[in-house]
Amino acid sequence: MRIEGEAVDALTPHLLRRRIGYVFQEVGLFPHLTVAENICITPKLLGWDKARRAVRAAELLDLVALPQEMGGRFPAALSGGQQQRVGVARALAAEPHIVLMDEPFGALDPLTRDALGDDYRALHERLNLSTVMVTHDMTEALLLADRIVVVAEGRLIADGTPQALAASTDPEVAALLAAPRRQAERLRARLGENA
């Protein structure tokens, strides 16, 4: 496996990890650090000076649509959606080209989840990132991904664009896509045909 052209087994693991952004489902912010300190934990480990870290934290608060005054707050003072925005900012702090996301929006309410998904997709495009997101929500995958890889019981069963998966005749893929389609049909029926 290669990351940015380099074989991963030739790289020091902790230095490789610092080149990749991570967003976790449970956010994992350090409760004893301020939002700005949480955002800049990797740049600090990389030896960035305090002034550069402060500038980067301010840039990232703007980027993830959080007010600047939140930089001085502690995570406990933030809502779940705000904490996840901080988690996204932290993942982007060291300017990685690759971001790994593990069920990043799964624990959020539907409105926050939808807004964060849209906002992250816009950031992904704007910053030209390579993002790998693990999700069990097919609707989320279909709405956010350029390419979907379906894994079942450790087996790769599908790999393609959302459009290619939607046209797949594979029974396991069809079953995965049937759920969001059934939900959309039930929603139209409950809310009326014009919903």
Foldseek 3Di string as FASTA:
>chain_A
DDDPRHDPVVDDVVVVVLQFFEAEQVLPFDQVAALLCSLCVSVVVVPDDPVVSLVLSQVLCVLLVHDPVSRGHGPVVDDPLVSLSSSVSSRCSVPHQEYEYECRLVVDDPVSSVVNLVSVLVVCVVSVHHYHYDDLQVVSCLVRDQWDFDADPNDTDDIGGSVVLCPDPPPVSVVSVVVVVVVVVVVCVVVDVVD
